Amino acid sequence: MNTRLIFTTTFLLACTGSAFAQPSPLTAAPTMDGMIMEAGAPVAAPKLQAAMRSLWHEHVVHTREYALAVHAHDATKTKAAEDAVVANARAIAEAVGGFYGKAAGDQMFTLLAGHWGGVKALTNADNTHDAVGQAAALKALSVNGAEIAKFLAAANPNLPEPTVASLLAGHVAHHSAQIQEIMAGDMKTEATTWTAMQQHMDVIADALAGAIAKQFPAKAA
């Protein structure tokens, strides 16, 4: 039984078949409180939303670059991608710290470093067909996602912990599927996963931006 496949499929189905479905340009995107934001509708803090989208898109761009470099056995590109992922994690943490203080920013960086550690371990394990390593990495990513959800929910009452946990679980499932596809050389399937992954980053970014804008209406722009 391929438990890895069951894990990935279950979460992808949950994300595409629930309130957290990937939005298309012609559909509505869900907000954190379950309200519906029509595509193209004004947002409370457009600059914050754009910044969050850019930061979270960079995360998946660089983790993808890492997987591609590992698969190609290109040590130089692997190191460059890893450095870029860490720099992006620090930028996301600093954005959080700008609203919640340096201590919160530092904690966010630690949590994001844990997320990257899991993604890196999963990528490397997939590359060497290490089933034990794959399982350990997925478990670590699940625990880390719960920790991030707990942290964000404690910081912002507009970020319900179960909702954030579900969004992050979907994100991990995308990482899992994409890494498998890259290591298998199945770039046709990966292209579909990549599109969904980028759309899901918008959902996460918009949820965070909306919650922060609601909590700090005078500070968010």
Protein backbone atom coordinates (compact mmCIF):
# COMPACT_ATOMS: atom_id res chain seq x y z
CA MET A 1 0.00 0.00 0.00
CA ASN A 2 1.44 3.39 -1.03
CA THR A 3 0.71 5.42 2.10
CA ARG A 4 2.54 8.40 0.60
CA LEU A 5 0.12 8.44 -2.34
CA ILE A 6 -2.88 8.09 -0.02
CA PHE A 7 -1.65 11.02 2.11
CA THR A 8 -1.12 13.28 -0.88
CA THR A 9 -4.36 12.36 -2.61
CA THR A 10 -6.44 12.78 0.55
CA PHE A 11 -5.20 16.27 1.22
CA LEU A 12 -5.42 17.38 -2.38
CA LEU A 13 -9.01 16.17 -2.54
CA ALA A 14 -9.75 17.94 0.73
CA CYS A 15 -8.37 21.18 -0.62
CA THR A 16 -10.15 20.98 -3.96
CA GLY A 17 -13.42 19.69 -2.59
CA SER A 18 -13.91 21.91 0.44
CA ALA A 19 -14.22 25.57 1.35
CA PHE A 20 -10.54 25.93 0.51
CA ALA A 21 -10.88 25.03 -3.17
CA GLN A 22 -8.38 26.64 -5.49
CA PRO A 23 -9.90 29.82 -7.00
CA SER A 24 -9.91 30.36 -10.74
CA PRO A 25 -9.90 33.87 -12.23
CA LEU A 26 -13.67 33.62 -12.74
CA THR A 27 -14.61 32.27 -9.33
CA ALA A 28 -14.72 33.56 -5.80
CA ALA A 29 -11.95 33.03 -3.27
CA PRO A 30 -12.75 32.11 0.34
CA THR A 31 -11.70 34.35 3.20
CA MET A 32 -10.77 33.11 6.64
CA ASP A 33 -14.15 33.74 8.22
CA GLY A 34 -16.01 31.84 5.52
CA MET A 35 -17.24 34.98 3.77
CA ILE A 36 -16.81 35.08 0.00
CA MET A 37 -14.65 37.66 -1.73
CA GLU A 38 -15.67 38.06 -5.35
CA ALA A 39 -12.80 38.01 -7.82
CA GLY A 40 -11.76 41.58 -8.61
CA ALA A 41 -13.55 43.02 -5.56
CA PRO A 42 -11.74 45.74 -3.54
CA VAL A 43 -9.52 44.42 -0.76
CA ALA A 44 -9.01 46.05 2.62
CA ALA A 45 -5.24 46.36 2.29
CA PRO A 46 -4.14 45.99 -1.36
CA LYS A 47 -0.45 46.74 -0.69
CA LEU A 48 -0.31 44.19 2.11
CA GLN A 49 -2.13 41.65 -0.03
CA ALA A 50 0.29 42.17 -2.92
CA ALA A 51 3.30 41.90 -0.60
CA MET A 52 2.00 38.69 0.99
CA ARG A 53 1.27 37.16 -2.40
CA SER A 54 4.76 38.01 -3.62
CA LEU A 55 6.42 36.55 -0.53
CA TRP A 56 4.46 33.29 -0.54
CA HIS A 57 4.91 32.85 -4.29
CA GLU A 58 8.66 33.22 -3.82
CA HIS A 59 8.54 30.40 -1.28
CA VAL A 60 7.16 27.88 -3.76
CA VAL A 61 9.32 29.18 -6.61
CA HIS A 62 12.49 28.55 -4.62
CA THR A 63 11.43 25.20 -3.15
CA ARG A 64 10.61 24.08 -6.70
CA GLU A 65 14.02 25.29 -7.87
CA TYR A 66 15.58 23.23 -5.10
CA ALA A 67 13.75 20.06 -6.16
CA LEU A 68 14.69 20.59 -9.80
CA ALA A 69 18.34 21.16 -8.88
CA VAL A 70 18.47 18.08 -6.64
CA HIS A 71 16.93 15.99 -9.42
CA ALA A 72 19.52 17.35 -11.87
CA HIS A 73 22.36 16.70 -9.39
CA ASP A 74 23.43 20.33 -9.73
CA ALA A 75 25.15 21.23 -6.46
CA THR A 76 25.58 24.91 -7.33
CA LYS A 77 21.91 25.46 -8.14
CA THR A 78 20.87 23.36 -5.14
CA LYS A 79 22.83 25.61 -2.78
CA ALA A 80 21.53 28.78 -4.45
CA ALA A 81 17.93 27.60 -4.18
CA GLU A 82 18.37 26.63 -0.54
CA ASP A 83 19.82 30.05 0.27
CA ALA A 84 16.90 31.70 -1.52
CA VAL A 85 14.33 29.68 0.45
CA VAL A 86 15.94 30.74 3.74
CA ALA A 87 16.12 34.39 2.68
CA ASN A 88 12.46 34.29 1.72
CA ALA A 89 11.52 32.73 5.06
CA ARG A 90 13.30 35.56 6.81
CA ALA A 91 11.42 38.11 4.68
CA ILE A 92 8.06 36.54 5.56
CA ALA A 93 9.04 36.50 9.24
CA GLU A 94 10.06 40.16 9.09
CA ALA A 95 6.70 41.03 7.53
CA VAL A 96 4.97 39.30 10.43
CA GLY A 97 7.31 41.00 12.89
CA GLY A 98 6.36 44.36 11.43
CA PHE A 99 2.89 43.91 12.93
CA TYR A 100 3.53 41.70 15.97
CA GLY A 101 7.04 42.66 17.07
CA LYS A 102 10.53 41.22 16.69
CA ALA A 103 9.96 38.30 19.06
CA ALA A 104 6.99 37.15 17.01
CA GLY A 105 8.97 37.62 13.82
CA ASP A 106 11.79 35.50 15.22
CA GLN A 107 9.33 32.79 16.23
CA MET A 108 7.77 32.85 12.78
CA PHE A 109 11.20 32.43 11.21
CA THR A 110 11.89 29.41 13.43
CA LEU A 111 8.58 27.86 12.38
CA LEU A 112 9.20 28.56 8.69
CA ALA A 113 12.68 27.12 9.03
CA GLY A 114 11.03 23.98 10.37
CA HIS A 115 8.72 23.91 7.34
CA TRP A 116 11.67 24.26 4.99
CA GLY A 117 13.57 21.58 6.89
CA GLY A 118 10.70 19.19 6.27
CA VAL A 119 10.40 20.08 2.58
CA LYS A 120 14.17 19.75 2.11
CA ALA A 121 14.21 16.38 3.88
CA LEU A 122 11.27 15.14 1.79
CA THR A 123 12.97 16.27 -1.41
CA ASN A 124 16.24 14.56 -0.54
CA ALA A 125 14.47 11.38 0.58
CA ASP A 126 12.45 11.24 -2.63
CA ASN A 127 15.61 11.70 -4.64
CA THR A 128 17.21 8.66 -3.01
CA HIS A 129 13.99 6.62 -2.80
CA ASP A 130 14.25 6.57 0.99
CA ALA A 131 10.77 5.54 2.15
CA VAL A 132 11.64 5.86 5.84
CA GLY A 133 12.98 9.35 5.26
CA GLN A 134 9.88 10.31 3.29
CA ALA A 135 7.57 9.20 6.09
CA ALA A 136 9.62 11.03 8.72
CA ALA A 137 9.63 14.23 6.65
CA LEU A 138 5.86 14.13 6.12
CA LYS A 139 5.31 13.59 9.84
CA ALA A 140 7.58 16.53 10.66
CA LEU A 141 5.74 18.73 8.18
CA SER A 142 2.39 17.79 9.71
CA VAL A 143 3.59 18.66 13.21
CA ASN A 144 5.12 21.90 11.97
CA GLY A 145 1.92 22.90 10.20
CA ALA A 146 0.00 22.46 13.44
CA GLU A 147 2.56 24.61 15.25
CA ILE A 148 2.31 27.40 12.68
CA ALA A 149 -1.48 27.31 12.84
CA LYS A 150 -1.40 27.53 16.64
CA PHE A 151 1.05 30.44 16.54
CA LEU A 152 -0.96 32.44 14.00
CA ALA A 153 -4.27 31.78 15.74
CA ALA A 154 -2.83 33.00 19.04
CA ALA A 155 -1.52 36.16 17.39
CA ASN A 156 -4.65 37.00 15.41
CA PRO A 157 -8.25 36.12 16.42
CA ASN A 158 -9.24 36.34 12.75
CA LEU A 159 -7.11 33.28 11.95
CA PRO A 160 -8.97 30.20 13.30
CA GLU A 161 -6.46 27.47 14.09
CA PRO A 162 -8.33 24.63 12.31
CA THR A 163 -8.70 26.75 9.18
CA VAL A 164 -5.03 27.69 9.05
CA ALA A 165 -4.07 24.07 9.72
CA SER A 166 -6.22 22.94 6.78
CA LEU A 167 -4.66 25.51 4.46
CA LEU A 168 -1.17 24.43 5.47
CA ALA A 169 -2.05 20.75 5.09
CA GLY A 170 -3.09 21.48 1.52
CA HIS A 171 0.19 23.31 0.96
CA VAL A 172 2.17 20.32 2.25
CA ALA A 173 0.20 18.01 -0.03
CA HIS A 174 1.16 20.17 -2.99
CA HIS A 175 4.83 20.01 -1.98
CA SER A 176 4.56 16.24 -1.67
CA ALA A 177 2.92 15.76 -5.07
CA GLN A 178 5.25 18.18 -6.85
CA ILE A 179 8.42 16.64 -5.43
CA GLN A 180 7.29 13.14 -6.44
CA GLU A 181 6.50 14.32 -9.96
CA ILE A 182 9.82 16.13 -10.39
CA MET A 183 11.81 13.14 -9.16
CA ALA A 184 9.85 10.90 -11.54
CA GLY A 185 10.51 13.28 -14.43
CA ASP A 186 6.76 13.68 -14.91
CA MET A 187 6.79 17.37 -15.77
CA LYS A 188 3.43 17.24 -17.56
CA THR A 189 1.64 16.29 -14.34
CA GLU A 190 3.88 18.63 -12.37
CA ALA A 191 2.72 21.55 -14.51
CA THR A 192 -0.83 20.99 -13.30
CA THR A 193 0.30 20.68 -9.69
CA TRP A 194 2.42 23.83 -10.08
CA THR A 195 -0.57 25.86 -11.27
CA ALA A 196 -2.71 24.67 -8.36
CA MET A 197 0.14 25.28 -5.94
CA GLN A 198 0.53 28.89 -7.04
CA GLN A 199 -3.21 29.48 -6.76
CA HIS A 200 -3.17 28.02 -3.26
CA MET A 201 -0.42 30.46 -2.30
CA ASP A 202 -2.82 33.27 -3.18
CA VAL A 203 -5.44 31.74 -0.88
CA ILE A 204 -2.97 31.57 2.01
CA ALA A 205 -1.55 35.03 1.36
CA ASP A 206 -4.98 36.62 1.02
CA ALA A 207 -6.19 34.95 4.20
CA LEU A 208 -3.23 36.27 6.17
CA ALA A 209 -3.41 39.74 4.64
CA GLY A 210 -7.15 39.97 5.27
CA ALA A 211 -6.83 38.86 8.88
CA ILE A 212 -3.98 41.28 9.58
CA ALA A 213 -5.85 44.16 7.93
CA LYS A 214 -8.90 43.40 10.07
CA GLN A 215 -6.79 43.32 13.23
CA PHE A 216 -4.74 46.41 12.37
CA PRO A 217 -7.01 48.58 10.19
CA ALA A 218 -5.00 51.75 10.83
CA LYS A 219 -1.65 50.12 10.13
CA ALA A 220 -2.34 47.90 7.12
CA ALA A 221 -2.54 49.49 3.70
